[in-house]
Amino acid sequence: MKKIRGILELLRPFTLLAPIIVSISVMFASLVYSGKNDISYYSIIFTVVPAGICFALLNGASNALNQSTDFIEDRISKPYRPLPKGKVTLKEARILSFLLYITAILLSLMINVTFSLFILLISFFSITYSLPPRMKKFLIINQIWVAIPRGFLGILGSWSVFGDPFQKLPISIGCIAAIFLFGGTSTKDILDAEADKKAGNKTLINVFGIRKTAYISFIFMILAFTLITPLILIGIIEFFLFPLTFLIVLSFLIFWLMIHNRKNERGENTPSWTLMYATYFIYALSFAIITICFS
């Protein structure tokens, strides 16, 4: 029982739910937007469910792998995690990660070739983030290595289940997500600043400090949602997506929380990270719902 509890903590269930909900919502949006009305209800369910599970498995695999390679850092900044506490061994964490990656890739073959390619690409980014060449240790590149798979490729991969991922709409929405996450992902490094520095990982936080990083992050988070208006004006995306610009308000709040740098007493990260994660969730889910309603 203790081992099972440790494995669940390693996978961080809270972070697995969002990928399932977001990806499935975007899949339904692509189905409606593409006008595919000849697919049976059962075919949709037996396509959407395994595809959504693929994203959850990838997220769990990434969590397990990242913690197994960040063992030294976590002993300093997050000693309560299952690996530093000895609930799970490094070998067990890596085996679990490997099995989850393989399961996700094999399961993706049930969907279509394009979807499988996106799953492979996302896997590549998350694996090389933690393992050699370990992109996590390189300044700026580590931000890109999080933003591309979680934002851009995640949206396109979900869209590819029923639609064409190379249409202007999914590419634009994916780019906006990636720009937002490029800025927002710094929130996860606030508590790890000292540990990352000792481990040789260069992040915006431990290179420029929390205040300068907050301004840098703010620029990209604001830019992401500001781009929606010109994209509408030049006809790249539809006008009905204009309400997504109001997420700028949450970007201001994330910036404010970063400056104040307060620990979240109910979680293992900062309030700014929690809100950043929630903002991305709201963005992707709102995009899917609005697209379904107005297509």
Protein backbone atom coordinates (compact mmCIF):
# COMPACT_ATOMS: atom_id res chain seq x y z
CA MET A 1 0.00 0.00 0.00
CA LYS A 2 2.87 2.36 0.86
CA LYS A 3 4.48 1.61 -2.50
CA ILE A 4 1.25 2.29 -4.41
CA ARG A 5 0.83 5.58 -2.56
CA GLY A 6 4.40 6.50 -3.43
CA ILE A 7 3.84 5.72 -7.12
CA LEU A 8 0.69 7.85 -7.16
CA GLU A 9 2.61 10.73 -5.60
CA LEU A 10 5.32 10.24 -8.21
CA LEU A 11 2.81 10.51 -11.06
CA ARG A 12 1.20 13.63 -9.53
CA PRO A 13 -2.47 12.84 -10.38
CA PHE A 14 -3.49 16.51 -10.30
CA THR A 15 -1.34 17.16 -13.37
CA LEU A 16 -2.79 14.14 -15.22
CA LEU A 17 -6.41 15.26 -15.16
CA ALA A 18 -5.89 18.48 -17.12
CA PRO A 19 -4.28 16.81 -20.18
CA ILE A 20 -7.19 14.37 -20.44
CA ILE A 21 -9.87 17.06 -20.21
CA VAL A 22 -8.06 19.54 -22.47
CA SER A 23 -7.09 17.02 -25.14
CA ILE A 24 -10.54 15.42 -25.31
CA SER A 25 -12.19 18.85 -25.53
CA VAL A 26 -9.91 19.87 -28.42
CA MET A 27 -10.61 16.54 -30.13
CA PHE A 28 -14.36 17.21 -30.04
CA ALA A 29 -13.71 20.75 -31.31
CA SER A 30 -11.77 19.37 -34.27
CA LEU A 31 -14.57 16.89 -34.95
CA VAL A 32 -17.25 19.60 -35.06
CA TYR A 33 -15.06 22.16 -36.87
CA SER A 34 -14.19 19.61 -39.56
CA GLY A 35 -17.86 18.84 -40.11
CA LYS A 36 -17.49 15.08 -39.78
CA ASN A 37 -21.06 14.03 -39.12
CA ASP A 38 -20.80 10.49 -40.46
CA ILE A 39 -18.81 9.05 -37.55
CA SER A 40 -20.81 6.86 -35.17
CA TYR A 41 -21.12 7.63 -31.47
CA TYR A 42 -19.25 4.45 -30.52
CA SER A 43 -16.41 5.19 -32.96
CA ILE A 44 -16.00 8.63 -31.43
CA ILE A 45 -15.87 7.27 -27.88
CA PHE A 46 -13.43 4.47 -28.75
CA THR A 47 -11.18 7.01 -30.46
CA VAL A 48 -11.35 9.89 -27.99
CA VAL A 49 -10.86 7.87 -24.79
CA PRO A 50 -7.60 6.09 -25.76
CA ALA A 51 -6.27 9.30 -27.34
CA GLY A 52 -6.94 11.21 -24.11
CA ILE A 53 -5.32 8.45 -22.08
CA CYS A 54 -2.22 8.77 -24.29
CA PHE A 55 -1.72 12.35 -23.12
CA ALA A 56 -2.25 11.40 -19.48
CA LEU A 57 0.28 8.55 -19.80
CA LEU A 58 2.82 10.91 -21.37
CA ASN A 59 2.35 13.38 -18.56
CA GLY A 60 2.76 10.65 -15.95
CA ALA A 61 5.85 9.30 -17.71
CA SER A 62 7.35 12.79 -17.84
CA ASN A 63 6.63 13.36 -14.13
CA ALA A 64 8.28 10.06 -13.15
CA LEU A 65 11.31 10.60 -15.38
CA ASN A 66 11.80 14.21 -14.34
CA GLN A 67 11.73 13.33 -10.64
CA SER A 68 14.16 10.45 -11.15
CA THR A 69 16.68 12.77 -12.83
CA ASP A 70 16.02 15.65 -10.41
CA PHE A 71 16.65 13.52 -7.34
CA ILE A 72 19.51 15.70 -6.07
CA GLU A 73 17.57 18.93 -6.58
CA ASP A 74 14.45 17.53 -4.91
CA ARG A 75 16.43 16.50 -1.84
CA ILE A 76 17.12 20.22 -1.37
CA SER A 77 13.89 21.93 -2.43
CA LYS A 78 11.23 19.18 -2.26
CA PRO A 79 12.36 16.56 0.27
CA TYR A 80 8.74 15.45 0.78
CA ARG A 81 8.54 13.90 -2.69
CA PRO A 82 8.43 10.07 -2.92
CA LEU A 83 12.01 9.59 -4.17
CA PRO A 84 13.81 11.64 -1.49
CA LYS A 85 11.59 10.01 1.15
CA GLY A 86 12.43 6.54 -0.13
CA LYS A 87 8.86 5.56 -1.00
CA VAL A 88 9.98 4.77 -4.56
CA THR A 89 13.50 3.91 -5.78
CA LEU A 90 15.23 5.58 -8.71
CA LYS A 91 15.15 2.31 -10.64
CA GLU A 92 11.42 1.87 -10.04
CA ALA A 93 10.72 5.43 -11.16
CA ARG A 94 12.64 5.00 -14.40
CA ILE A 95 11.09 1.62 -15.18
CA LEU A 96 7.64 3.08 -14.57
CA SER A 97 8.44 6.05 -16.81
CA PHE A 98 9.68 3.76 -19.60
CA LEU A 99 6.56 1.58 -19.40
CA LEU A 100 4.27 4.61 -19.53
CA TYR A 101 6.06 6.05 -22.57
CA ILE A 102 5.88 2.72 -24.41
CA THR A 103 2.21 2.25 -23.51
CA ALA A 104 1.34 5.74 -24.74
CA ILE A 105 3.16 5.23 -28.04
CA LEU A 106 1.61 1.81 -28.67
CA LEU A 107 -1.85 3.08 -27.72
CA SER A 108 -1.48 6.02 -30.12
CA LEU A 109 -1.19 3.57 -33.02
CA MET A 110 -4.90 2.81 -32.51
CA ILE A 111 -5.77 6.39 -33.54
CA ASN A 112 -3.91 7.37 -36.70
CA VAL A 113 -0.37 7.83 -38.00
CA THR A 114 -0.34 11.61 -37.61
CA PHE A 115 -1.45 11.38 -33.99
CA SER A 116 1.26 8.79 -33.30
CA LEU A 117 3.88 11.10 -34.77
CA PHE A 118 2.79 13.90 -32.43
CA ILE A 119 2.95 11.51 -29.46
CA LEU A 120 6.47 10.52 -30.51
CA LEU A 121 7.51 14.17 -30.84
CA ILE A 122 6.10 15.05 -27.42
CA SER A 123 7.91 12.03 -25.96
CA PHE A 124 11.17 13.18 -27.57
CA PHE A 125 10.90 16.64 -26.01
CA SER A 126 10.01 15.38 -22.53
CA ILE A 127 12.71 12.69 -22.52
CA THR A 128 15.51 14.98 -23.76
CA TYR A 129 14.38 17.61 -21.24
CA SER A 130 15.44 15.29 -18.41
CA LEU A 131 17.98 12.90 -19.95
CA PRO A 132 21.13 13.79 -21.97
CA PRO A 133 21.50 16.20 -23.62
CA ARG A 134 19.24 17.32 -20.71
CA MET A 135 17.81 20.53 -22.13
CA LYS A 136 16.62 21.49 -18.67
CA LYS A 137 20.09 22.82 -17.80
CA PHE A 138 20.27 25.31 -20.70
CA LEU A 139 18.92 28.83 -20.19
CA ILE A 140 15.99 29.78 -22.47
CA ILE A 141 16.12 26.40 -24.23
CA ASN A 142 14.59 24.80 -21.15
CA GLN A 143 11.62 27.17 -21.46
CA ILE A 144 11.20 26.29 -25.14
CA TRP A 145 11.47 22.56 -24.38
CA VAL A 146 8.43 22.84 -22.09
CA ALA A 147 6.38 25.25 -24.20
CA ILE A 148 6.57 23.35 -27.51
CA PRO A 149 5.34 19.90 -26.40
CA ARG A 150 2.85 21.06 -23.77
CA GLY A 151 1.45 23.93 -25.81
CA PHE A 152 2.01 23.70 -29.55
CA LEU A 153 2.32 19.93 -30.06
CA GLY A 154 -0.33 19.15 -27.46
CA ILE A 155 -2.96 21.23 -29.25
CA LEU A 156 -2.00 19.96 -32.72
CA GLY A 157 -1.84 16.36 -31.55
CA SER A 158 -5.33 16.57 -30.08
CA TRP A 159 -6.67 18.26 -33.21
CA SER A 160 -5.15 15.55 -35.43
CA VAL A 161 -7.46 12.88 -33.99
CA PHE A 162 -10.34 14.06 -36.20
CA GLY A 163 -9.07 17.09 -38.09
CA ASP A 164 -6.18 18.48 -40.09
CA PRO A 165 -3.56 19.75 -37.59
CA PHE A 166 -1.97 21.92 -40.26
CA GLN A 167 -4.98 24.20 -40.67
CA LYS A 168 -4.55 27.84 -39.71
CA LEU A 169 -6.81 27.57 -36.65
CA PRO A 170 -5.05 24.79 -34.68
CA ILE A 171 -1.60 26.12 -35.62
CA SER A 172 -2.53 29.60 -34.38
CA ILE A 173 -4.08 28.32 -31.15
CA GLY A 174 -1.05 26.08 -30.60
CA CYS A 175 1.37 28.97 -31.13
CA ILE A 176 -0.54 31.16 -28.66
CA ALA A 177 -0.42 28.33 -26.11
CA ALA A 178 3.32 27.87 -26.62
CA ILE A 179 4.06 31.60 -26.23
CA PHE A 180 2.01 31.72 -23.03
CA LEU A 181 3.74 28.65 -21.60
CA PHE A 182 7.17 29.97 -22.59
CA GLY A 183 6.54 32.85 -20.22
CA GLY A 184 4.47 31.04 -17.63
CA THR A 185 6.68 28.01 -17.14
CA SER A 186 9.10 30.12 -15.10
CA THR A 187 6.61 29.93 -12.23
CA LYS A 188 7.58 26.30 -11.61
CA ASP A 189 11.22 27.31 -11.05
CA ILE A 190 10.62 29.73 -8.19
CA LEU A 191 10.94 27.21 -5.36
CA ASP A 192 13.72 25.32 -7.16
CA ALA A 193 16.01 28.32 -7.71
CA GLU A 194 18.66 27.35 -5.17
CA ALA A 195 18.53 23.63 -5.98
CA ASP A 196 18.71 24.25 -9.74
CA LYS A 197 21.72 26.52 -9.28
CA LYS A 198 23.59 23.88 -7.26
CA ALA A 199 22.74 21.24 -9.90
CA GLY A 200 23.97 23.45 -12.76
CA ASN A 201 20.54 24.13 -14.25
CA LYS A 202 20.33 27.69 -15.55
CA THR A 203 16.82 29.13 -15.31
CA LEU A 204 15.55 32.66 -15.67
CA ILE A 205 14.86 32.66 -11.93
CA ASN A 206 18.39 31.80 -10.77
CA VAL A 207 20.10 33.89 -13.46
CA PHE A 208 18.04 37.11 -13.42
CA GLY A 209 16.19 36.86 -10.12
CA ILE A 210 12.47 36.63 -9.43
CA ARG A 211 11.58 40.25 -10.20
CA LYS A 212 13.23 40.46 -13.64
CA THR A 213 11.93 37.00 -14.50
CA ALA A 214 8.40 38.09 -13.59
CA TYR A 215 8.63 40.96 -16.09
CA ILE A 216 10.06 38.70 -18.81
CA SER A 217 7.32 36.13 -18.20
CA PHE A 218 4.68 38.84 -18.15
CA ILE A 219 5.70 40.08 -21.61
CA PHE A 220 5.22 36.65 -23.18
CA MET A 221 2.00 35.84 -21.32
CA ILE A 222 0.46 39.15 -22.36
CA LEU A 223 1.79 38.81 -25.92
CA ALA A 224 0.12 35.42 -26.29
CA PHE A 225 -3.41 36.66 -25.68
CA THR A 226 -2.82 40.04 -27.34
CA LEU A 227 -2.04 38.21 -30.61
CA ILE A 228 -5.63 36.95 -30.79
CA THR A 229 -6.98 40.32 -31.97
CA PRO A 230 -4.61 40.82 -34.97
CA LEU A 231 -5.06 37.17 -35.93
CA ILE A 232 -8.81 37.79 -36.08
CA LEU A 233 -8.38 41.01 -38.06
CA ILE A 234 -6.27 39.33 -40.76
CA GLY A 235 -8.65 36.38 -40.97
CA ILE A 236 -6.41 33.69 -39.50
CA ILE A 237 -8.83 32.78 -36.72
CA GLU A 238 -12.56 33.39 -36.32
CA PHE A 239 -14.06 36.38 -34.50
CA PHE A 240 -15.95 34.16 -32.06
CA LEU A 241 -12.62 33.41 -30.33
CA PHE A 242 -12.18 37.05 -29.28
CA PRO A 243 -13.29 36.34 -25.65
CA LEU A 244 -10.02 34.44 -25.16
CA THR A 245 -8.27 37.84 -25.02
CA PHE A 246 -9.80 38.41 -21.57
CA LEU A 247 -7.33 35.86 -20.19
CA ILE A 248 -4.92 38.81 -20.17
CA VAL A 249 -6.45 39.59 -16.77
CA LEU A 250 -5.19 36.29 -15.38
CA SER A 251 -1.75 37.00 -16.84
CA PHE A 252 -1.63 40.21 -14.79
CA LEU A 253 -2.53 38.23 -11.68
CA ILE A 254 0.15 35.59 -12.38
CA PHE A 255 2.69 38.41 -12.70
CA TRP A 256 1.56 39.90 -9.37
CA LEU A 257 1.82 36.53 -7.64
CA MET A 258 5.32 35.96 -9.04
CA ILE A 259 6.51 39.27 -7.64
CA HIS A 260 5.16 38.42 -4.21
CA ASN A 261 6.65 34.93 -4.41
CA ARG A 262 4.49 33.29 -1.76
CA LYS A 263 4.44 29.54 -1.05
CA ASN A 264 1.17 27.72 -1.63
CA GLU A 265 0.34 26.16 1.72
CA ARG A 266 -1.96 23.59 0.09
CA GLY A 267 0.39 22.40 -2.62
CA GLU A 268 4.01 21.85 -3.46
CA ASN A 269 4.35 24.88 -5.70
CA THR A 270 3.60 28.58 -5.74
CA PRO A 271 0.21 30.23 -6.29
CA SER A 272 1.58 31.72 -9.52
CA TRP A 273 2.27 28.20 -10.88
CA THR A 274 -1.19 27.01 -9.88
CA LEU A 275 -2.84 29.98 -11.59
CA MET A 276 -0.62 29.65 -14.66
CA TYR A 277 -1.58 25.99 -14.99
CA ALA A 278 -5.25 26.86 -14.50
CA THR A 279 -5.03 29.67 -17.08
CA TYR A 280 -3.71 27.30 -19.73
CA PHE A 281 -6.46 24.84 -18.83
CA ILE A 282 -9.11 27.59 -19.15
CA TYR A 283 -7.62 28.78 -22.44
CA ALA A 284 -7.64 25.37 -24.13
CA LEU A 285 -11.01 24.34 -22.70
CA SER A 286 -12.63 27.69 -23.62
CA PHE A 287 -11.23 27.47 -27.13
CA ALA A 288 -12.73 24.00 -27.55
CA ILE A 289 -16.15 24.94 -26.13
CA ILE A 290 -16.42 28.18 -28.14
CA THR A 291 -15.36 26.38 -31.34
CA ILE A 292 -17.93 23.62 -30.76
CA CYS A 293 -20.71 26.15 -30.09
CA PHE A 294 -20.04 28.42 -33.08
CA SER A 295 -18.82 26.00 -35.77
